[in-house]
Amino acid sequence: MNLLSRGLQASASLASLTWPIAGRIFTEKLEIDENRSAWAASTPDYQPGPPLQGDTTADLAIIGGGFTGTSTAYHFSRRYPEKRVVLLEAATLANGASGRNGGMMLNWLPYDPPPRNPARDALVYSTTNAGIDTIEEIIRRHNLPVSYRRDGTLSVFTTARRAEVAQAKAEYHRSIGIPSQFIDRATLAASFRLEGVHGGVLDPHSGQLNGAQYVRSQRPVLVEQGVEIYEQTPVLKVEEGSTITLTTPNGTVRAKAIVLATNGYTSKLGYFREALFPMVSHVFATAPLDPAEQLGWRSWAGFYDDMDRISYSSITRDGQVIFGGGSPIGTAYNFNNGTRFKGSPEEAALISASIQKAFQRYAPGGRGVPIAQHWSGTLGLTLKRNILMGVRGEARNVFYAVGFNGHGVTLGNVAGQVLTDMYSGDDEKWRGLPFYQAGYTPIPPEPFCWVGYATFSRLSGHLPRY
């Protein structure tokens, strides 16, 4: 941790003491925009279901219709077919990050906790790998019309020194049974043409997933399993107790337990305001004209780099390239936990151009590739990049899985199994994992959060990370 990071951490800890006052002054408002991603465009016939009208009851009410919400509904309703499950989505299924991401279906966690711990590291990999297995099993079991591929992704390294460290780490992984494969610069150039890269590590069991197709195609499956789904139904208020009351615009749900499956929007419900900060991230998609063939990016499902302003790309089965990151303005924090992009079309064009510049650093031949779509979406981040899954509340009936830090494609789907097992009291297998009932470093309230973010990012060029 450098001096600037230590100073930021100390300042954040001090400013966090003002939450009791500042939290009342700076109230938050739910802001939701339309999903304009390539993933959503691939579901043109999808029509949102009706909103909740009137009052109802539930054994379990799930707030949020993305990966976490639908995964919990799926696993819970299969475990407990006799229980009443209600899912409330503020807009449409997959309207949030689950339908706007970069499409990378990855193993591992968003951060790499030191030092090496063979038992923990093997457990983390086997957990996420089993999570991807489950996604595939659900697609096959229900014959879902979902585009995905699972032929591996690369983590690539932009200096010789980092590539050398990565090679040693891949050897460590293989020594504990994890199939990481280091690919040197020359071999990589022949298989996946990336400029300025000194080597990469292939995870052969990761891949790419169209999240909007995956989530939305599960709706009839969930309904058949007895889940009541109400779209266009934002939760406006949560009143805890042995029975929890959820207030929506046109009705209420009285539930014995609830699940917070709202990731970057969670603070709007009054939860985890001091733990999560939403970041609005921008992504673009090339035209579906098989640019991957032109770029030489056909061999694997995608890559991500080692930079703090991380670049990442996934490649669909038909060769469309999705690319995000790599830009100082491509990901940003909005004052008071804003969850949508409020810039003008001109600002959006500047951001898109800056991300395309990052794309062209790796693919100089990409200048001629037409860009079909540009969109933005909200990530839920924690300061230490650690995911939070657990249960809280005096009655221990508020379950949550939030703060996926860009790894929600896999881990949001794992969350449904974790929360179902926690509800059941049969959660022993999850207890050795870093996200289970994890703590967090507090984030200061406004205006300190905005000032701290702006100062740190401008001085360092990095996103805050301890």
Protein backbone atom coordinates (compact mmCIF):
# COMPACT_ATOMS: atom_id res chain seq x y z
CA MET A 1 0.00 0.00 0.00
CA ASN A 2 1.58 3.32 -1.06
CA LEU A 3 1.53 6.57 0.89
CA LEU A 4 -1.42 8.01 -1.05
CA SER A 5 -3.50 4.88 -0.44
CA ARG A 6 -2.64 4.88 3.26
CA GLY A 7 -3.62 8.53 3.49
CA LEU A 8 -6.92 7.83 1.74
CA GLN A 9 -7.66 4.92 4.06
CA ALA A 10 -6.97 7.00 7.17
CA SER A 11 -9.11 9.88 5.87
CA ALA A 12 -11.94 7.53 4.90
CA SER A 13 -11.95 5.92 8.35
CA LEU A 14 -12.12 9.32 10.03
CA ALA A 15 -14.82 10.67 7.71
CA SER A 16 -16.90 7.49 8.20
CA LEU A 17 -17.58 8.63 11.75
CA THR A 18 -19.91 11.29 10.33
CA TRP A 19 -22.39 8.76 8.86
CA PRO A 20 -25.09 9.29 11.56
CA ILE A 21 -25.43 12.95 10.51
CA ALA A 22 -24.41 12.95 6.84
CA GLY A 23 -26.56 9.91 6.07
CA ARG A 24 -29.67 11.88 7.03
CA ILE A 25 -28.63 14.95 5.06
CA PHE A 26 -27.68 13.18 1.84
CA THR A 27 -30.66 10.94 1.14
CA GLU A 28 -30.56 8.77 -1.96
CA LYS A 29 -33.04 8.31 -4.79
CA LEU A 30 -33.49 5.25 -6.98
CA GLU A 31 -32.50 6.04 -10.57
CA ILE A 32 -32.98 3.45 -13.29
CA ASP A 33 -32.38 3.86 -17.00
CA GLU A 34 -33.18 1.59 -19.90
CA ASN A 35 -30.83 -1.26 -20.75
CA ARG A 36 -29.44 -0.47 -24.22
CA SER A 37 -26.77 -3.17 -24.29
CA ALA A 38 -26.02 -5.62 -27.06
CA TRP A 39 -27.19 -8.36 -24.69
CA ALA A 40 -30.61 -6.76 -24.23
CA ALA A 41 -30.87 -6.18 -27.99
CA SER A 42 -30.53 -9.94 -28.46
CA THR A 43 -33.87 -10.44 -26.67
CA PRO A 44 -36.09 -8.25 -28.89
CA ASP A 45 -39.27 -10.19 -28.18
CA TYR A 46 -38.98 -9.91 -24.40
CA GLN A 47 -41.91 -8.10 -22.77
CA PRO A 48 -41.78 -7.27 -19.06
CA GLY A 49 -44.38 -8.83 -16.84
CA PRO A 50 -46.99 -6.77 -14.97
CA PRO A 51 -46.25 -4.91 -11.73
CA LEU A 52 -47.54 -5.93 -8.33
CA GLN A 53 -51.05 -4.66 -7.68
CA GLY A 54 -52.38 -4.96 -4.13
CA ASP A 55 -51.03 -6.80 -1.12
CA THR A 56 -49.57 -10.28 -0.93
CA THR A 57 -47.52 -12.52 1.34
CA ALA A 58 -44.46 -14.70 0.85
CA ASP A 59 -42.16 -17.07 2.63
CA LEU A 60 -39.31 -15.43 0.71
CA ALA A 61 -39.35 -12.11 -1.17
CA ILE A 62 -36.44 -11.41 -3.49
CA ILE A 63 -35.62 -7.82 -4.40
CA GLY A 64 -33.86 -7.67 -7.76
CA GLY A 65 -34.22 -9.57 -11.02
CA GLY A 66 -30.64 -10.10 -12.12
CA PHE A 67 -28.26 -13.03 -11.70
CA THR A 68 -28.52 -13.11 -7.90
CA GLY A 69 -32.28 -12.70 -7.76
CA THR A 70 -33.14 -15.28 -10.41
CA SER A 71 -30.49 -17.71 -9.17
CA THR A 72 -31.90 -17.54 -5.64
CA ALA A 73 -35.45 -17.95 -6.96
CA TYR A 74 -34.38 -20.95 -9.03
CA HIS A 75 -32.50 -22.86 -6.33
CA PHE A 76 -34.84 -21.92 -3.48
CA SER A 77 -38.01 -22.92 -5.32
CA ARG A 78 -36.48 -26.27 -6.26
CA ARG A 79 -35.41 -26.87 -2.65
CA TYR A 80 -38.73 -25.66 -1.20
CA PRO A 81 -41.50 -26.19 -3.78
CA GLU A 82 -44.11 -25.76 -1.03
CA LYS A 83 -42.97 -22.25 -0.08
CA ARG A 84 -44.29 -19.06 -1.64
CA VAL A 85 -41.57 -17.08 -3.44
CA VAL A 86 -42.10 -13.56 -4.78
CA LEU A 87 -39.51 -11.76 -6.93
CA LEU A 88 -39.76 -7.97 -7.31
CA GLU A 89 -37.83 -6.20 -10.08
CA ALA A 90 -37.82 -2.41 -10.33
CA ALA A 91 -37.62 -2.38 -14.15
CA THR A 92 -37.28 -5.58 -16.20
CA LEU A 93 -35.37 -8.79 -15.60
CA ALA A 94 -31.67 -8.26 -16.44
CA ASN A 95 -32.08 -4.49 -16.62
CA GLY A 96 -29.11 -3.95 -14.31
CA ALA A 97 -25.52 -5.16 -14.42
CA SER A 98 -26.58 -8.73 -15.24
CA GLY A 99 -27.73 -7.54 -18.66
CA ARG A 100 -25.11 -4.81 -19.25
CA ASN A 101 -21.77 -6.37 -18.36
CA GLY A 102 -18.80 -7.26 -20.53
CA GLY A 103 -19.94 -10.86 -20.79
CA MET A 104 -16.94 -12.49 -19.10
CA MET A 105 -17.78 -15.64 -17.16
CA LEU A 106 -14.74 -15.93 -14.91
CA ASN A 107 -13.32 -18.10 -12.18
CA TRP A 108 -11.70 -16.64 -9.06
CA LEU A 109 -12.67 -13.62 -6.98
CA PRO A 110 -12.23 -9.93 -7.88
CA TYR A 111 -9.10 -9.75 -5.74
CA ASP A 112 -6.30 -12.13 -4.84
CA PRO A 113 -5.92 -12.28 -1.05
CA PRO A 114 -2.29 -12.77 0.04
CA PRO A 115 -0.43 -14.79 1.03
CA ARG A 116 -0.76 -18.00 -0.95
CA ASN A 117 -2.96 -20.53 0.77
CA PRO A 118 -3.27 -23.78 -1.20
CA ALA A 119 -6.41 -25.02 0.55
CA ARG A 120 -8.23 -21.69 0.24
CA ASP A 121 -7.09 -21.04 -3.32
CA ALA A 122 -8.17 -24.49 -4.48
CA LEU A 123 -11.52 -24.01 -2.73
CA VAL A 124 -12.12 -20.63 -4.40
CA TYR A 125 -11.35 -22.01 -7.86
CA SER A 126 -13.42 -25.16 -7.39
CA THR A 127 -16.35 -23.05 -6.11
CA THR A 128 -16.42 -20.67 -9.05
CA ASN A 129 -15.76 -23.48 -11.53
CA ALA A 130 -18.71 -25.42 -10.10
CA GLY A 131 -20.75 -22.23 -10.44
CA ILE A 132 -20.03 -22.09 -14.17
CA ASP A 133 -20.83 -25.80 -14.41
CA THR A 134 -24.22 -25.03 -12.86
CA ILE A 135 -24.93 -22.26 -15.39
CA GLU A 136 -24.24 -24.74 -18.20
CA GLU A 137 -26.37 -27.42 -16.53
CA ILE A 138 -29.34 -25.05 -16.20
CA ILE A 139 -29.05 -24.03 -19.86
CA ARG A 140 -29.00 -27.67 -20.96
CA ARG A 141 -31.64 -28.90 -18.47
CA HIS A 142 -34.22 -26.36 -19.62
CA ASN A 143 -33.04 -25.99 -23.22
CA LEU A 144 -32.61 -22.23 -22.76
CA PRO A 145 -31.87 -20.14 -25.89
CA VAL A 146 -28.64 -18.67 -24.54
CA SER A 147 -25.47 -17.80 -26.43
CA TYR A 148 -22.34 -18.69 -24.49
CA ARG A 149 -18.93 -20.24 -24.91
CA ARG A 150 -16.60 -21.88 -22.42
CA ASP A 151 -13.28 -22.34 -24.17
CA GLY A 152 -11.17 -20.22 -21.85
CA THR A 153 -10.19 -16.62 -21.14
CA LEU A 154 -6.83 -14.93 -20.79
CA SER A 155 -5.35 -12.63 -18.20
CA VAL A 156 -2.61 -10.74 -20.04
CA PHE A 157 0.43 -8.83 -18.79
CA THR A 158 1.85 -5.61 -20.12
CA THR A 159 5.42 -5.82 -18.76
CA ALA A 160 8.02 -8.56 -18.84
CA ARG A 161 8.28 -8.50 -15.05
CA ARG A 162 4.55 -9.00 -14.53
CA ALA A 163 4.56 -11.82 -17.07
CA GLU A 164 7.37 -13.50 -15.16
CA VAL A 165 5.43 -13.25 -11.88
CA ALA A 166 2.34 -14.60 -13.65
CA GLN A 167 4.25 -17.59 -14.95
CA ALA A 168 5.34 -18.47 -11.42
CA LYS A 169 1.77 -18.09 -10.21
CA ALA A 170 0.46 -20.37 -12.97
CA GLU A 171 3.01 -22.99 -11.93
CA TYR A 172 1.77 -22.68 -8.34
CA HIS A 173 -1.80 -23.14 -9.53
CA ARG A 174 -0.91 -26.28 -11.43
CA SER A 175 0.87 -27.64 -8.37
CA ILE A 176 -2.43 -27.53 -6.43
CA GLY A 177 -4.54 -28.95 -9.24
CA ILE A 178 -5.76 -25.75 -10.91
CA PRO A 179 -5.35 -25.89 -14.72
CA SER A 180 -3.83 -22.43 -15.29
CA GLN A 181 -1.57 -22.36 -18.36
CA PHE A 182 1.08 -19.70 -18.96
CA ILE A 183 1.45 -18.68 -22.61
CA ASP A 184 4.62 -16.86 -23.59
CA ARG A 185 4.70 -13.80 -25.81
CA ALA A 186 5.56 -15.56 -29.07
CA THR A 187 3.04 -18.36 -28.64
CA LEU A 188 0.33 -15.91 -27.64
CA ALA A 189 1.01 -13.74 -30.72
CA ALA A 190 0.32 -16.73 -32.95
CA SER A 191 -2.94 -17.63 -31.19
CA PHE A 192 -4.51 -14.37 -30.01
CA ARG A 193 -2.96 -11.21 -31.49
CA LEU A 194 -2.57 -8.53 -28.82
CA GLU A 195 -0.11 -5.66 -29.15
CA GLY A 196 2.07 -4.72 -26.19
CA VAL A 197 1.52 -7.96 -24.27
CA HIS A 198 4.41 -9.98 -22.80
CA GLY A 199 2.47 -13.12 -21.99
CA GLY A 200 -0.78 -14.40 -20.58
CA VAL A 201 -2.37 -16.99 -18.34
CA LEU A 202 -5.16 -19.09 -19.80
CA ASP A 203 -7.97 -20.36 -17.60
CA PRO A 204 -9.46 -23.06 -19.85
CA HIS A 205 -12.65 -23.43 -17.80
CA SER A 206 -13.89 -19.83 -18.03
CA GLY A 207 -15.81 -18.21 -20.86
CA GLN A 208 -18.47 -15.77 -22.06
CA LEU A 209 -22.21 -15.55 -21.39
CA ASN A 210 -25.08 -13.44 -22.73
CA GLY A 211 -26.57 -12.47 -19.38
CA ALA A 212 -29.79 -10.94 -20.68
CA GLN A 213 -30.65 -14.10 -22.57
CA TYR A 214 -29.76 -16.27 -19.58
CA VAL A 215 -31.81 -14.33 -17.03
CA ARG A 216 -34.81 -13.57 -19.22
CA SER A 217 -35.11 -17.08 -20.64
CA GLN A 218 -35.45 -18.39 -17.08
CA ARG A 219 -38.68 -16.50 -16.44
CA PRO A 220 -41.03 -19.27 -17.67
CA VAL A 221 -38.95 -21.84 -15.79
CA LEU A 222 -39.28 -19.90 -12.54
CA VAL A 223 -42.99 -19.37 -13.06
CA GLU A 224 -43.43 -23.10 -13.63
CA GLN A 225 -41.58 -23.70 -10.36
CA GLY A 226 -44.13 -21.49 -8.58
CA VAL A 227 -42.21 -18.21 -8.36
CA GLU A 228 -44.36 -15.08 -8.64
CA ILE A 229 -42.46 -12.46 -10.67
CA TYR A 230 -43.47 -8.80 -10.66
CA GLU A 231 -41.53 -6.52 -12.96
CA GLN A 232 -41.79 -2.71 -13.03
CA THR A 233 -42.13 -2.95 -9.25
CA PRO A 234 -39.51 -0.96 -7.31
CA VAL A 235 -39.34 -1.50 -3.58
CA LEU A 236 -39.71 1.87 -1.91
CA LYS A 237 -39.41 0.89 1.74
CA VAL A 238 -38.32 -2.07 3.86
CA GLU A 239 -39.71 -2.47 7.38
CA GLU A 240 -37.86 -5.21 9.26
CA GLY A 241 -39.26 -7.56 11.87
CA SER A 242 -40.10 -11.22 12.27
CA THR A 243 -42.29 -10.48 9.26
CA ILE A 244 -40.80 -7.95 6.83
CA THR A 245 -43.01 -5.49 4.97
CA LEU A 246 -41.96 -4.31 1.52
CA THR A 247 -43.75 -1.27 0.17
CA THR A 248 -44.04 -0.83 -3.61
CA PRO A 249 -45.90 1.86 -5.62
CA ASN A 250 -49.11 -0.16 -5.89
CA GLY A 251 -48.96 -2.76 -3.15
CA THR A 252 -47.07 -4.47 -0.34
CA VAL A 253 -45.42 -7.80 0.32
CA ARG A 254 -45.30 -9.24 3.83
CA ALA A 255 -42.52 -11.83 3.87
CA LYS A 256 -40.94 -14.08 6.46
CA ALA A 257 -37.53 -13.46 4.87
CA ILE A 258 -36.10 -11.30 2.09
CA VAL A 259 -33.09 -11.36 -0.23
CA LEU A 260 -31.24 -8.18 -1.23
CA ALA A 261 -30.20 -9.01 -4.81
CA THR A 262 -29.67 -5.38 -5.81
CA ASN A 263 -25.85 -5.03 -5.95
CA GLY A 264 -25.01 -1.42 -6.96
CA TYR A 265 -28.57 -0.24 -6.16
CA THR A 266 -28.61 -1.66 -2.61
CA SER A 267 -27.96 1.62 -0.81
CA LYS A 268 -31.27 2.97 -2.17
CA LEU A 269 -33.00 0.58 0.23
CA GLY A 270 -30.93 1.90 3.14
CA TYR A 271 -28.61 -1.11 3.30
CA PHE A 272 -24.81 -1.15 2.97
CA ARG A 273 -24.57 2.60 2.33
CA GLU A 274 -21.23 2.57 4.15
CA ALA A 275 -19.99 -0.56 2.34
CA LEU A 276 -20.84 -0.15 -1.35
CA PHE A 277 -20.28 2.55 -3.90
CA PRO A 278 -21.78 2.24 -7.38
CA MET A 279 -19.56 2.95 -10.37
CA VAL A 280 -21.02 3.68 -13.80
CA SER A 281 -19.01 1.80 -16.41
CA HIS A 282 -19.14 2.08 -20.22
CA VAL A 283 -18.86 -0.71 -22.78
CA PHE A 284 -19.12 -0.99 -26.56
CA ALA A 285 -19.89 -3.79 -28.99
CA THR A 286 -18.67 -4.16 -32.55
CA ALA A 287 -21.01 -4.92 -35.39
CA PRO A 288 -21.70 -8.66 -35.73
CA LEU A 289 -19.53 -8.99 -38.83
CA ASP A 290 -17.02 -11.38 -37.31
CA PRO A 291 -14.41 -8.73 -36.42
CA ALA A 292 -12.79 -11.34 -34.17
CA GLU A 293 -11.58 -13.08 -37.31
CA GLN A 294 -10.08 -9.82 -38.60
CA LEU A 295 -8.37 -9.10 -35.27
CA GLY A 296 -7.11 -12.63 -34.66
CA TRP A 297 -9.19 -12.89 -31.46
CA ARG A 298 -10.92 -16.15 -32.23
CA SER A 299 -9.04 -18.70 -30.14
CA TRP A 300 -10.59 -17.93 -26.73
CA ALA A 301 -13.64 -16.28 -25.23
CA GLY A 302 -11.93 -13.10 -24.06
CA PHE A 303 -9.18 -11.41 -22.09
CA TYR A 304 -8.50 -8.84 -19.39
CA ASP A 305 -5.30 -6.98 -18.61
CA ASP A 306 -3.23 -6.13 -15.54
CA MET A 307 -3.80 -2.38 -15.48
CA ASP A 308 -5.62 -0.60 -12.67
CA ARG A 309 -7.99 0.92 -15.22
CA ILE A 310 -8.55 -2.59 -16.40
CA SER A 311 -9.39 -3.34 -20.04
CA TYR A 312 -11.53 -6.39 -20.72
CA SER A 313 -13.08 -7.98 -23.75
CA SER A 314 -15.29 -10.94 -24.50
CA ILE A 315 -15.95 -12.45 -27.89
CA THR A 316 -19.27 -14.04 -28.71
CA ARG A 317 -19.63 -17.32 -30.53
CA ASP A 318 -20.49 -15.44 -33.74
CA GLY A 319 -17.43 -13.21 -33.47
CA GLN A 320 -18.88 -10.00 -32.05
CA VAL A 321 -16.38 -8.20 -29.80
CA ILE A 322 -17.49 -6.60 -26.52
CA PHE A 323 -14.92 -4.23 -25.01
CA GLY A 324 -14.79 -2.04 -21.91
CA GLY A 325 -12.40 -0.26 -19.58
CA GLY A 326 -8.90 1.02 -20.20
CA SER A 327 -10.03 4.64 -20.06
CA PRO A 328 -9.69 7.26 -17.30
CA ILE A 329 -13.26 8.39 -18.04
CA GLY A 330 -14.79 5.02 -18.92
CA THR A 331 -15.71 4.24 -15.31
CA ALA A 332 -16.76 6.93 -12.84
CA TYR A 333 -18.39 7.54 -9.48
CA ASN A 334 -21.42 9.85 -9.41
CA PHE A 335 -22.10 12.10 -6.43
CA ASN A 336 -24.33 10.55 -3.75
CA ASN A 337 -24.19 7.05 -5.23
CA GLY A 338 -25.79 7.96 -8.54
CA THR A 339 -26.62 4.85 -10.57
CA ARG A 340 -27.07 6.11 -14.12
CA PHE A 341 -25.06 8.05 -16.67
CA LYS A 342 -26.26 11.66 -16.71
CA GLY A 343 -23.97 13.00 -19.39
CA SER A 344 -24.90 14.44 -22.76
CA PRO A 345 -24.67 12.53 -26.04
CA GLU A 346 -21.45 14.47 -26.71
CA GLU A 347 -19.97 13.25 -23.41
CA ALA A 348 -21.01 9.70 -24.21
CA ALA A 349 -19.28 10.00 -27.59
CA LEU A 350 -16.07 11.20 -25.91
CA ILE A 351 -16.17 8.28 -23.48
CA SER A 352 -16.78 5.81 -26.29
CA ALA A 353 -13.84 7.26 -28.23
CA SER A 354 -11.56 6.91 -25.20
CA ILE A 355 -12.53 3.25 -24.76
CA GLN A 356 -11.99 2.64 -28.47
CA LYS A 357 -8.49 4.12 -28.05
CA ALA A 358 -7.78 1.50 -25.37
CA PHE A 359 -9.16 -1.16 -27.71
CA GLN A 360 -6.85 -0.01 -30.51
CA ARG A 361 -3.79 -0.21 -28.23
CA TYR A 362 -4.30 -3.97 -28.20
CA ALA A 363 -5.69 -4.19 -31.74
CA PRO A 364 -4.22 -1.56 -34.09
CA GLY A 365 -6.24 -3.17 -36.87
CA GLY A 366 -9.39 -2.35 -34.95
CA ARG A 367 -9.64 1.16 -36.36
CA GLY A 368 -11.73 -0.11 -39.23
CA VAL A 369 -14.07 -2.23 -37.15
CA PRO A 370 -17.56 -0.66 -36.97
CA ILE A 371 -18.98 0.00 -33.50
CA ALA A 372 -22.60 -1.07 -33.28
CA GLN A 373 -23.57 -0.13 -29.73
CA HIS A 374 -22.33 1.77 -26.70
CA TRP A 375 -23.94 1.50 -23.28
CA SER A 376 -23.33 2.09 -19.60
CA GLY A 377 -24.24 0.20 -16.45
CA THR A 378 -23.79 0.25 -12.69
CA LEU A 379 -21.26 -1.88 -10.83
CA GLY A 380 -21.35 -2.46 -7.08
CA LEU A 381 -17.87 -2.04 -5.59
CA THR A 382 -16.38 -2.34 -2.12
CA LEU A 383 -13.16 -0.62 -1.18
CA LYS A 384 -11.25 -3.87 -0.75
CA ARG A 385 -12.93 -5.47 -3.78
CA ASN A 386 -14.39 -8.16 -1.50
CA ILE A 387 -17.82 -9.67 -2.12
CA LEU A 388 -20.37 -9.73 0.70
CA MET A 389 -22.77 -12.66 1.15
CA GLY A 390 -24.60 -13.37 4.37
CA VAL A 391 -27.59 -12.72 6.60
CA ARG A 392 -28.37 -9.80 8.90
CA GLY A 393 -31.19 -8.18 10.87
CA GLU A 394 -32.45 -8.77 14.40
CA ALA A 395 -34.60 -11.64 13.18
CA ARG A 396 -31.76 -12.96 10.96
CA ASN A 397 -34.08 -12.92 7.97
CA VAL A 398 -32.42 -10.37 5.65
CA PHE A 399 -30.21 -12.33 3.25
CA TYR A 400 -27.88 -10.56 0.85
CA ALA A 401 -25.26 -11.00 -1.85
CA VAL A 402 -23.78 -7.70 -3.03
CA GLY A 403 -20.52 -6.04 -4.08
CA PHE A 404 -19.55 -8.29 -6.97
CA ASN A 405 -16.87 -5.86 -8.16
CA GLY A 406 -17.24 -6.87 -11.79
CA HIS A 407 -17.32 -10.65 -11.17
CA GLY A 408 -21.08 -11.04 -10.94
CA VAL A 409 -21.61 -13.23 -14.00
CA THR A 410 -20.27 -16.25 -12.14
CA LEU A 411 -20.60 -15.19 -8.51
CA GLY A 412 -24.09 -13.72 -8.80
CA ASN A 413 -25.22 -17.15 -9.94
CA VAL A 414 -23.25 -18.88 -7.17
CA ALA A 415 -25.01 -16.56 -4.71
CA GLY A 416 -28.36 -18.25 -5.26
CA GLN A 417 -26.95 -21.53 -3.99
CA VAL A 418 -25.17 -19.87 -1.07
CA LEU A 419 -28.25 -17.99 0.14
CA THR A 420 -30.53 -21.01 -0.25
CA ASP A 421 -28.11 -23.07 1.86
CA MET A 422 -27.82 -20.30 4.45
CA TYR A 423 -31.60 -20.16 4.73
CA SER A 424 -31.62 -23.94 5.17
CA GLY A 425 -28.88 -23.88 7.80
CA ASP A 426 -26.94 -26.25 5.55
CA ASP A 427 -24.13 -23.86 4.59
CA GLU A 428 -21.04 -25.54 5.99
CA LYS A 429 -19.35 -25.87 2.60
CA TRP A 430 -19.39 -22.09 2.07
CA ARG A 431 -17.90 -21.09 5.40
CA GLY A 432 -14.26 -21.29 4.32
CA LEU A 433 -14.79 -18.84 1.48
CA PRO A 434 -13.68 -15.19 1.78
CA PHE A 435 -17.13 -13.79 0.92
CA TYR A 436 -19.07 -15.71 3.59
CA GLN A 437 -20.30 -13.21 6.24
CA ALA A 438 -17.36 -11.01 5.24
CA GLY A 439 -16.66 -7.63 6.79
CA TYR A 440 -15.77 -4.50 4.86
CA THR A 441 -13.86 -1.24 5.04
CA PRO A 442 -16.32 1.63 5.58
CA ILE A 443 -16.78 4.20 2.85
CA PRO A 444 -17.24 7.79 4.03
CA PRO A 445 -20.55 9.58 3.38
CA GLU A 446 -20.99 12.55 1.12
CA PRO A 447 -19.47 14.98 0.50
CA PHE A 448 -16.32 13.16 1.67
CA CYS A 449 -16.84 10.18 -0.67
CA TRP A 450 -17.02 12.33 -3.79
CA VAL A 451 -14.09 14.53 -2.75
CA GLY A 452 -11.99 11.49 -1.83
CA TYR A 453 -12.75 9.69 -5.07
CA ALA A 454 -12.07 12.74 -7.22
CA THR A 455 -8.83 13.57 -5.39
CA PHE A 456 -7.44 10.05 -5.43
CA SER A 457 -8.36 9.27 -9.03
CA ARG A 458 -6.96 12.55 -10.33
CA LEU A 459 -3.72 12.37 -8.35
CA SER A 460 -3.03 8.70 -8.98
CA GLY A 461 -4.94 7.94 -12.18
CA HIS A 462 -6.25 4.84 -10.38
CA LEU A 463 -9.54 3.73 -8.93
CA PRO A 464 -9.57 3.61 -5.10
CA ARG A 465 -8.31 0.24 -3.87
CA TYR A 466 -6.68 -0.71 -0.57
